[in-house]
Amino acid sequence: MAARPAAGLGLFGAPQPAAGGPPVCSRKGCRNDAVWQLLWNNPRIHTPERRKAWASCPDHVEWFEEYLRDRGLWKETLPLTADRPMETR
């Protein structure tokens, strides 16, 4: 019997960097280059200082922020630049 995917995880893809390129947007089906990172934390399962990150293209950054804010998970949105790569801690 195949394992069922966790609820809600079908909305997002894992940010996979192109060979030498920036990460791609985490929104499912979007393959655009990410220029934003949205830092978030689920207080039910993460310590307060823990940060997870989703990558976003300009078209989906507002969607991600709204999704995370509605659930009380959003912490910060930062640009993805050479001097500020994807943050997770």
PDB file of N, CA and C in Angstrom:
ATOM      1  N   MET A   1       0.842  -1.181   0.000  1.00  0.00           N
ATOM      2  CA  MET A   1       0.000   0.000   0.000  1.00  0.00           C
ATOM      3  C   MET A   1       0.887   1.245   0.000  1.00  0.00           C
ATOM      4  N   ALA A   2       0.625   2.172  -0.892  1.00  0.00           N
ATOM      5  CA  ALA A   2       1.420   3.391  -0.995  1.00  0.00           C
ATOM      6  C   ALA A   2       1.077   4.351   0.138  1.00  0.00           C
ATOM      7  N   ALA A   3       2.082   5.088   0.606  1.00  0.00           N
ATOM      8  CA  ALA A   3       1.861   6.074   1.660  1.00  0.00           C
ATOM      9  C   ALA A   3       1.111   7.264   1.092  1.00  0.00           C
ATOM     10  N   ARG A   4       0.199   7.787   1.885  1.00  0.00           N
ATOM     11  CA  ARG A   4      -0.551   8.975   1.464  1.00  0.00           C
ATOM     12  C   ARG A   4       0.231  10.211   1.819  1.00  0.00           C
ATOM     13  N   PRO A   5       0.231  11.232   0.959  1.00  0.00           N
ATOM     14  CA  PRO A   5       0.940  12.467   1.292  1.00  0.00           C
ATOM     15  C   PRO A   5       0.251  13.169   2.452  1.00  0.00           C
ATOM     16  N   ALA A   6       1.034  13.911   3.221  1.00  0.00           N
ATOM     17  CA  ALA A   6       0.480  14.671   4.342  1.00  0.00           C
ATOM     18  C   ALA A   6      -0.455  15.749   3.819  1.00  0.00           C
ATOM     19  N   ALA A   7      -1.499  16.035   4.579  1.00  0.00           N
ATOM     20  CA  ALA A   7      -2.491  17.038   4.189  1.00  0.00           C
ATOM     21  C   ALA A   7      -1.822  18.386   3.965  1.00  0.00           C
ATOM     22  N   GLY A   8      -2.192  19.061   2.904  1.00  0.00           N
ATOM     23  CA  GLY A   8      -1.711  20.405   2.623  1.00  0.00           C
ATOM     24  C   GLY A   8      -0.370  20.469   1.916  1.00  0.00           C
ATOM     25  N   LEU A   9       0.404  19.409   1.933  1.00  0.00           N
ATOM     26  CA  LEU A   9       1.728  19.463   1.340  1.00  0.00           C
ATOM     27  C   LEU A   9       1.694  19.476  -0.179  1.00  0.00           C
ATOM     28  N   GLY A  10       0.574  19.170  -0.786  1.00  0.00           N
ATOM     29  CA  GLY A  10       0.471  19.208  -2.234  1.00  0.00           C
ATOM     30  C   GLY A  10       0.475  20.612  -2.805  1.00  0.00           C
ATOM     31  N   LEU A  11       0.384  21.631  -1.958  1.00  0.00           N
ATOM     32  CA  LEU A  11       0.360  23.016  -2.410  1.00  0.00           C
ATOM     33  C   LEU A  11       1.745  23.547  -2.746  1.00  0.00           C
ATOM     34  N   PHE A  12       2.772  22.855  -2.276  1.00  0.00           N
ATOM     35  CA  PHE A  12       4.125  23.374  -2.382  1.00  0.00           C
ATOM     36  C   PHE A  12       5.046  22.348  -2.980  1.00  0.00           C
ATOM     37  N   GLY A  13       6.062  22.816  -3.644  1.00  0.00           N
ATOM     38  CA  GLY A  13       7.132  21.960  -4.118  1.00  0.00           C
ATOM     39  C   GLY A  13       8.388  22.306  -3.341  1.00  0.00           C
ATOM     40  N   ALA A  14       9.335  21.438  -3.321  1.00  0.00           N
ATOM     41  CA  ALA A  14      10.600  21.738  -2.655  1.00  0.00           C
ATOM     42  C   ALA A  14      11.412  22.663  -3.547  1.00  0.00           C
ATOM     43  N   PRO A  15      12.024  23.718  -2.998  1.00  0.00           N
ATOM     44  CA  PRO A  15      12.834  24.608  -3.824  1.00  0.00           C
ATOM     45  C   PRO A  15      14.083  23.883  -4.298  1.00  0.00           C
ATOM     46  N   GLN A  16      14.143  23.624  -5.582  1.00  0.00           N
ATOM     47  CA  GLN A  16      15.279  22.925  -6.171  1.00  0.00           C
ATOM     48  C   GLN A  16      16.081  23.914  -7.001  1.00  0.00           C
ATOM     49  N   PRO A  17      17.302  24.214  -6.577  1.00  0.00           N
ATOM     50  CA  PRO A  17      18.098  25.150  -7.372  1.00  0.00           C
ATOM     51  C   PRO A  17      18.499  24.527  -8.702  1.00  0.00           C
ATOM     52  N   ALA A  18      18.450  25.340  -9.729  1.00  0.00           N
ATOM     53  CA  ALA A  18      18.961  24.899 -11.025  1.00  0.00           C
ATOM     54  C   ALA A  18      20.480  24.812 -10.897  1.00  0.00           C
ATOM     55  N   ALA A  19      21.118  24.107 -11.764  1.00  0.00           N
ATOM     56  CA  ALA A  19      22.568  23.959 -11.688  1.00  0.00           C
ATOM     57  C   ALA A  19      23.225  25.336 -11.655  1.00  0.00           C
ATOM     58  N   GLY A  20      23.703  25.709 -10.490  1.00  0.00           N
ATOM     59  CA  GLY A  20      24.367  26.992 -10.329  1.00  0.00           C
ATOM     60  C   GLY A  20      23.428  28.183 -10.270  1.00  0.00           C
ATOM     61  N   GLY A  21      22.127  27.983 -10.397  1.00  0.00           N
ATOM     62  CA  GLY A  21      21.186  29.087 -10.398  1.00  0.00           C
ATOM     63  C   GLY A  21      20.480  29.253  -9.067  1.00  0.00           C
ATOM     64  N   PRO A  22      19.596  30.217  -8.980  1.00  0.00           N
ATOM     65  CA  PRO A  22      18.861  30.443  -7.743  1.00  0.00           C
ATOM     66  C   PRO A  22      17.826  29.346  -7.514  1.00  0.00           C
ATOM     67  N   PRO A  23      17.343  29.213  -6.283  1.00  0.00           N
ATOM     68  CA  PRO A  23      16.264  28.257  -6.024  1.00  0.00           C
ATOM     69  C   PRO A  23      15.034  28.636  -6.851  1.00  0.00           C
ATOM     70  N   VAL A  24      14.186  27.659  -7.095  1.00  0.00           N
ATOM     71  CA  VAL A  24      12.935  27.934  -7.794  1.00  0.00           C
ATOM     72  C   VAL A  24      11.830  28.129  -6.761  1.00  0.00           C
ATOM     73  N   CYS A  25      10.768  28.749  -7.182  1.00  0.00           N
ATOM     74  CA  CYS A  25       9.621  29.031  -6.331  1.00  0.00           C
ATOM     75  C   CYS A  25       9.062  27.735  -5.731  1.00  0.00           C
ATOM     76  N   SER A  26       8.686  27.790  -4.456  1.00  0.00           N
ATOM     77  CA  SER A  26       8.142  26.627  -3.747  1.00  0.00           C
ATOM     78  C   SER A  26       6.680  26.359  -4.075  1.00  0.00           C
ATOM     79  N   ARG A  27       6.006  27.273  -4.765  1.00  0.00           N
ATOM     80  CA  ARG A  27       4.599  27.062  -5.100  1.00  0.00           C
ATOM     81  C   ARG A  27       4.494  25.920  -6.098  1.00  0.00           C
ATOM     82  N   LYS A  28       3.606  24.983  -5.812  1.00  0.00           N
ATOM     83  CA  LYS A  28       3.463  23.800  -6.654  1.00  0.00           C
ATOM     84  C   LYS A  28       3.199  24.197  -8.108  1.00  0.00           C
ATOM     85  N   GLY A  29       3.964  23.604  -9.000  1.00  0.00           N
ATOM     86  CA  GLY A  29       3.792  23.843 -10.427  1.00  0.00           C
ATOM     87  C   GLY A  29       4.552  25.050 -10.954  1.00  0.00           C
ATOM     88  N   CYS A  30       5.074  25.881 -10.078  1.00  0.00           N
ATOM     89  CA  CYS A  30       5.817  27.072 -10.516  1.00  0.00           C
ATOM     90  C   CYS A  30       7.295  26.713 -10.620  1.00  0.00           C
ATOM     91  N   ARG A  31       7.897  27.038 -11.721  1.00  0.00           N
ATOM     92  CA  ARG A  31       9.322  26.754 -11.925  1.00  0.00           C
ATOM     93  C   ARG A  31      10.106  28.058 -12.090  1.00  0.00           C
ATOM     94  N   ASN A  32       9.508  29.182 -11.732  1.00  0.00           N
ATOM     95  CA  ASN A  32      10.195  30.468 -11.849  1.00  0.00           C
ATOM     96  C   ASN A  32      11.295  30.585 -10.811  1.00  0.00           C
ATOM     97  N   ASP A  33      12.301  31.393 -11.114  1.00  0.00           N
ATOM     98  CA  ASP A  33      13.368  31.656 -10.151  1.00  0.00           C
ATOM     99  C   ASP A  33      12.792  32.354  -8.928  1.00  0.00           C
ATOM    100  N   ALA A  34      13.248  31.942  -7.760  1.00  0.00           N
ATOM    101  CA  ALA A  34      12.822  32.581  -6.511  1.00  0.00           C
ATOM    102  C   ALA A  34      13.690  33.810  -6.257  1.00  0.00           C
ATOM    103  N   VAL A  35      13.056  34.881  -5.826  1.00  0.00           N
ATOM    104  CA  VAL A  35      13.785  36.094  -5.453  1.00  0.00           C
ATOM    105  C   VAL A  35      13.461  36.508  -4.014  1.00  0.00           C
ATOM    106  N   TRP A  36      12.543  35.778  -3.373  1.00  0.00           N
ATOM    107  CA  TRP A  36      12.149  36.035  -1.986  1.00  0.00           C
ATOM    108  C   TRP A  36      12.262  34.755  -1.180  1.00  0.00           C
ATOM    109  N   GLN A  37      12.488  34.899   0.109  1.00  0.00           N
ATOM    110  CA  GLN A  37      12.392  33.778   1.033  1.00  0.00           C
ATOM    111  C   GLN A  37      11.461  34.183   2.160  1.00  0.00           C
ATOM    112  N   LEU A  38      10.541  33.304   2.455  1.00  0.00           N
ATOM    113  CA  LEU A  38       9.578  33.560   3.518  1.00  0.00           C
ATOM    114  C   LEU A  38       9.942  32.656   4.691  1.00  0.00           C
ATOM    115  N   LEU A  39      10.317  33.291   5.793  1.00  0.00           N
ATOM    116  CA  LEU A  39      10.711  32.558   6.980  1.00  0.00           C
ATOM    117  C   LEU A  39       9.483  32.345   7.847  1.00  0.00           C
ATOM    118  N   TRP A  40       9.336  31.134   8.349  1.00  0.00           N
ATOM    119  CA  TRP A  40       8.160  30.798   9.129  1.00  0.00           C
ATOM    120  C   TRP A  40       8.526  29.810  10.222  1.00  0.00           C
ATOM    121  N   ASN A  41       7.583  29.631  11.142  1.00  0.00           N
ATOM    122  CA  ASN A  41       7.776  28.756  12.287  1.00  0.00           C
ATOM    123  C   ASN A  41       6.412  28.280  12.746  1.00  0.00           C
ATOM    124  N   ASN A  42       6.293  26.979  12.981  1.00  0.00           N
ATOM    125  CA  ASN A  42       5.061  26.428  13.545  1.00  0.00           C
ATOM    126  C   ASN A  42       5.292  26.248  15.043  1.00  0.00           C
ATOM    127  N   PRO A  43       4.716  27.129  15.876  1.00  0.00           N
ATOM    128  CA  PRO A  43       4.993  27.085  17.313  1.00  0.00           C
ATOM    129  C   PRO A  43       4.533  25.795  17.993  1.00  0.00           C
ATOM    130  N   ARG A  44       3.657  25.040  17.352  1.00  0.00           N
ATOM    131  CA  ARG A  44       3.225  23.769  17.945  1.00  0.00           C
ATOM    132  C   ARG A  44       4.301  22.702  17.848  1.00  0.00           C
ATOM    133  N   ILE A  45       5.218  22.831  16.878  1.00  0.00           N
ATOM    134  CA  ILE A  45       6.237  21.793  16.716  1.00  0.00           C
ATOM    135  C   ILE A  45       7.675  22.314  16.678  1.00  0.00           C
ATOM    136  N   HIS A  46       7.877  23.624  16.557  1.00  0.00           N
ATOM    137  CA  HIS A  46       9.222  24.190  16.479  1.00  0.00           C
ATOM    138  C   HIS A  46       9.528  25.035  17.708  1.00  0.00           C
ATOM    139  N   THR A  47      10.790  25.091  18.090  1.00  0.00           N
ATOM    140  CA  THR A  47      11.209  26.008  19.142  1.00  0.00           C
ATOM    141  C   THR A  47      11.086  27.431  18.601  1.00  0.00           C
ATOM    142  N   PRO A  48      10.946  28.439  19.480  1.00  0.00           N
ATOM    143  CA  PRO A  48      10.719  29.819  19.011  1.00  0.00           C
ATOM    144  C   PRO A  48      11.782  30.361  18.061  1.00  0.00           C
ATOM    145  N   GLU A  49      13.034  29.939  18.209  1.00  0.00           N
ATOM    146  CA  GLU A  49      14.094  30.472  17.351  1.00  0.00           C
ATOM    147  C   GLU A  49      14.216  29.739  16.015  1.00  0.00           C
ATOM    148  N   ARG A  50      13.547  28.621  15.871  1.00  0.00           N
ATOM    149  CA  ARG A  50      13.618  27.821  14.634  1.00  0.00           C
ATOM    150  C   ARG A  50      12.962  28.573  13.482  1.00  0.00           C
ATOM    151  N   ARG A  51      13.579  28.532  12.323  1.00  0.00           N
ATOM    152  CA  ARG A  51      13.010  29.133  11.119  1.00  0.00           C
ATOM    153  C   ARG A  51      13.085  28.142   9.979  1.00  0.00           C
ATOM    154  N   LYS A  52      11.970  27.960   9.308  1.00  0.00           N
ATOM    155  CA  LYS A  52      11.888  27.205   8.069  1.00  0.00           C
ATOM    156  C   LYS A  52      11.770  28.267   6.971  1.00  0.00           C
ATOM    157  N   ALA A  53      12.077  27.900   5.735  1.00  0.00           N
ATOM    158  CA  ALA A  53      12.022  28.890   4.654  1.00  0.00           C
ATOM    159  C   ALA A  53      11.380  28.294   3.416  1.00  0.00           C
ATOM    160  N   TRP A  54      10.550  29.105   2.775  1.00  0.00           N
ATOM    161  CA  TRP A  54      10.014  28.790   1.460  1.00  0.00           C
ATOM    162  C   TRP A  54      10.558  29.825   0.496  1.00  0.00           C
ATOM    163  N   ALA A  55      10.884  29.399  -0.697  1.00  0.00           N
ATOM    164  CA  ALA A  55      11.358  30.287  -1.748  1.00  0.00           C
ATOM    165  C   ALA A  55      10.158  30.749  -2.568  1.00  0.00           C
ATOM    166  N   SER A  56      10.205  31.986  -3.049  1.00  0.00           N
ATOM    167  CA  SER A  56       9.085  32.498  -3.833  1.00  0.00           C
ATOM    168  C   SER A  56       9.547  33.395  -4.968  1.00  0.00           C
ATOM    169  N   CYS A  57       8.843  33.260  -6.085  1.00  0.00           N
ATOM    170  CA  CYS A  57       9.008  34.197  -7.191  1.00  0.00           C
ATOM    171  C   CYS A  57       8.164  35.434  -6.868  1.00  0.00           C
ATOM    172  N   PRO A  58       8.331  36.517  -7.610  1.00  0.00           N
ATOM    173  CA  PRO A  58       7.526  37.715  -7.361  1.00  0.00           C
ATOM    174  C   PRO A  58       6.017  37.481  -7.479  1.00  0.00           C
ATOM    175  N   ASP A  59       5.610  36.552  -8.350  1.00  0.00           N
ATOM    176  CA  ASP A  59       4.181  36.302  -8.554  1.00  0.00           C
ATOM    177  C   ASP A  59       3.500  35.634  -7.364  1.00  0.00           C
ATOM    178  N   HIS A  60       4.245  34.915  -6.525  1.00  0.00           N
ATOM    179  CA  HIS A  60       3.628  34.140  -5.456  1.00  0.00           C
ATOM    180  C   HIS A  60       3.954  34.614  -4.044  1.00  0.00           C
ATOM    181  N   VAL A  61       4.771  35.646  -3.886  1.00  0.00           N
ATOM    182  CA  VAL A  61       5.175  36.079  -2.549  1.00  0.00           C
ATOM    183  C   VAL A  61       3.965  36.516  -1.706  1.00  0.00           C
ATOM    184  N   GLU A  62       3.025  37.233  -2.288  1.00  0.00           N
ATOM    185  CA  GLU A  62       1.833  37.651  -1.530  1.00  0.00           C
ATOM    186  C   GLU A  62       0.988  36.447  -1.138  1.00  0.00           C
ATOM    187  N   TRP A  63       0.870  35.470  -2.027  1.00  0.00           N
ATOM    188  CA  TRP A  63       0.101  34.263  -1.728  1.00  0.00           C
ATOM    189  C   TRP A  63       0.709  33.536  -0.534  1.00  0.00           C
ATOM    190  N   PHE A  64       2.045  33.355  -0.540  1.00  0.00           N
ATOM    191  CA  PHE A  64       2.720  32.689   0.577  1.00  0.00           C
ATOM    192  C   PHE A  64       2.548  33.463   1.880  1.00  0.00           C
ATOM    193  N   GLU A  65       2.731  34.797   1.821  1.00  0.00           N
ATOM    194  CA  GLU A  65       2.580  35.597   3.043  1.00  0.00           C
ATOM    195  C   GLU A  65       1.175  35.454   3.615  1.00  0.00           C
ATOM    196  N   GLU A  66       0.166  35.549   2.769  1.00  0.00           N
ATOM    197  CA  GLU A  66      -1.217  35.415   3.231  1.00  0.00           C
ATOM    198  C   GLU A  66      -1.454  34.026   3.838  1.00  0.00           C
ATOM    199  N   TYR A  67      -0.986  32.991   3.171  1.00  0.00           N
ATOM    200  CA  TYR A  67      -1.140  31.619   3.655  1.00  0.00           C
ATOM    201  C   TYR A  67      -0.514  31.467   5.043  1.00  0.00           C
ATOM    202  N   LEU A  68       0.716  31.951   5.198  1.00  0.00           N
ATOM    203  CA  LEU A  68       1.412  31.819   6.481  1.00  0.00           C
ATOM    204  C   LEU A  68       0.817  32.716   7.557  1.00  0.00           C
ATOM    205  N   ARG A  69       0.456  33.945   7.206  1.00  0.00           N
ATOM    206  CA  ARG A  69      -0.148  34.859   8.194  1.00  0.00           C
ATOM    207  C   ARG A  69      -1.492  34.326   8.696  1.00  0.00           C
ATOM    208  N   ASP A  70      -2.309  33.799   7.790  1.00  0.00           N
ATOM    209  CA  ASP A  70      -3.617  33.266   8.189  1.00  0.00           C
ATOM    210  C   ASP A  70      -3.484  32.148   9.207  1.00  0.00           C
ATOM    211  N   ARG A  71      -2.373  31.448   9.202  1.00  0.00           N
ATOM    212  CA  ARG A  71      -2.157  30.320  10.111  1.00  0.00           C
ATOM    213  C   ARG A  71      -1.267  30.681  11.300  1.00  0.00           C
ATOM    214  N   GLY A  72      -0.852  31.950  11.387  1.00  0.00           N
ATOM    215  CA  GLY A  72      -0.004  32.395  12.491  1.00  0.00           C
ATOM    216  C   GLY A  72       1.408  31.846  12.432  1.00  0.00           C
ATOM    217  N   LEU A  73       1.899  31.565  11.222  1.00  0.00           N
ATOM    218  CA  LEU A  73       3.217  30.949  11.059  1.00  0.00           C
ATOM    219  C   LEU A  73       4.281  31.898  10.515  1.00  0.00           C
ATOM    220  N   TRP A  74       3.871  32.966   9.824  1.00  0.00           N
ATOM    221  CA  TRP A  74       4.810  33.863   9.149  1.00  0.00           C
ATOM    222  C   TRP A  74       5.671  34.610  10.163  1.00  0.00           C
ATOM    223  N   LYS A  75       6.961  34.740   9.852  1.00  0.00           N
ATOM    224  CA  LYS A  75       7.886  35.501  10.683  1.00  0.00           C
ATOM    225  C   LYS A  75       8.495  36.667   9.932  1.00  0.00           C
ATOM    226  N   GLU A  76       8.954  36.423   8.685  1.00  0.00           N
ATOM    227  CA  GLU A  76       9.673  37.471   7.969  1.00  0.00           C
ATOM    228  C   GLU A  76       9.793  37.100   6.497  1.00  0.00           C
ATOM    229  N   THR A  77       9.774  38.123   5.628  1.00  0.00           N
ATOM    230  CA  THR A  77      10.029  37.935   4.211  1.00  0.00           C
ATOM    231  C   THR A  77      11.288  38.713   3.872  1.00  0.00           C
ATOM    232  N   LEU A  78      12.262  38.016   3.273  1.00  0.00           N
ATOM    233  CA  LEU A  78      13.552  38.625   2.956  1.00  0.00           C
ATOM    234  C   LEU A  78      13.888  38.379   1.497  1.00  0.00           C
ATOM    235  N   PRO A  79      14.643  39.294   0.886  1.00  0.00           N
ATOM    236  CA  PRO A  79      15.076  39.042  -0.491  1.00  0.00           C
ATOM    237  C   PRO A  79      16.104  37.915  -0.519  1.00  0.00           C
ATOM    238  N   LEU A  80      16.099  37.176  -1.593  1.00  0.00           N
ATOM    239  CA  LEU A  80      17.134  36.170  -1.845  1.00  0.00           C
ATOM    240  C   LEU A  80      18.211  36.851  -2.675  1.00  0.00           C
ATOM    241  N   THR A  81      19.364  37.027  -2.109  1.00  0.00           N
ATOM    242  CA  THR A  81      20.475  37.660  -2.810  1.00  0.00           C
ATOM    243  C   THR A  81      21.725  36.817  -2.589  1.00  0.00           C
ATOM    244  N   ALA A  82      22.762  37.105  -3.333  1.00  0.00           N
ATOM    245  CA  ALA A  82      24.017  36.344  -3.204  1.00  0.00           C
ATOM    246  C   ALA A  82      24.552  36.421  -1.782  1.00  0.00           C
ATOM    247  N   ASP A  83      24.388  37.575  -1.118  1.00  0.00           N
ATOM    248  CA  ASP A  83      24.890  37.711   0.242  1.00  0.00           C
ATOM    249  C   ASP A  83      23.878  37.273   1.295  1.00  0.00           C
ATOM    250  N   ARG A  84      22.662  36.872   0.868  1.00  0.00           N
ATOM    251  CA  ARG A  84      21.655  36.379   1.802  1.00  0.00           C
ATOM    252  C   ARG A  84      20.969  35.166   1.175  1.00  0.00           C
ATOM    253  N   PRO A  85      21.633  34.004   1.212  1.00  0.00           N
ATOM    254  CA  PRO A  85      21.032  32.798   0.656  1.00  0.00           C
ATOM    255  C   PRO A  85      19.867  32.317   1.517  1.00  0.00           C
ATOM    256  N   MET A  86      19.209  31.245   1.086  1.00  0.00           N
ATOM    257  CA  MET A  86      18.078  30.685   1.844  1.00  0.00           C
ATOM    258  C   MET A  86      18.495  30.446   3.291  1.00  0.00           C
ATOM    259  N   GLU A  87      17.687  30.951   4.206  1.00  0.00           N
ATOM    260  CA  GLU A  87      17.956  30.786   5.639  1.00  0.00           C
ATOM    261  C   GLU A  87      17.060  29.720   6.212  1.00  0.00           C
ATOM    262  N   THR A  88      17.634  28.816   6.918  1.00  0.00           N
ATOM    263  CA  THR A  88      16.885  27.896   7.762  1.00  0.00           C
ATOM    264  C   THR A  88      17.739  27.686   8.996  1.00  0.00           C
ATOM    265  N   ARG A  89      17.092  27.591  10.106  1.00  0.00           N
ATOM    266  CA  ARG A  89      17.846  27.348  11.352  1.00  0.00           C
ATOM    267  C   ARG A  89      16.937  26.649  12.324  1.00  0.00           C
TER     268      ARG A  89
END
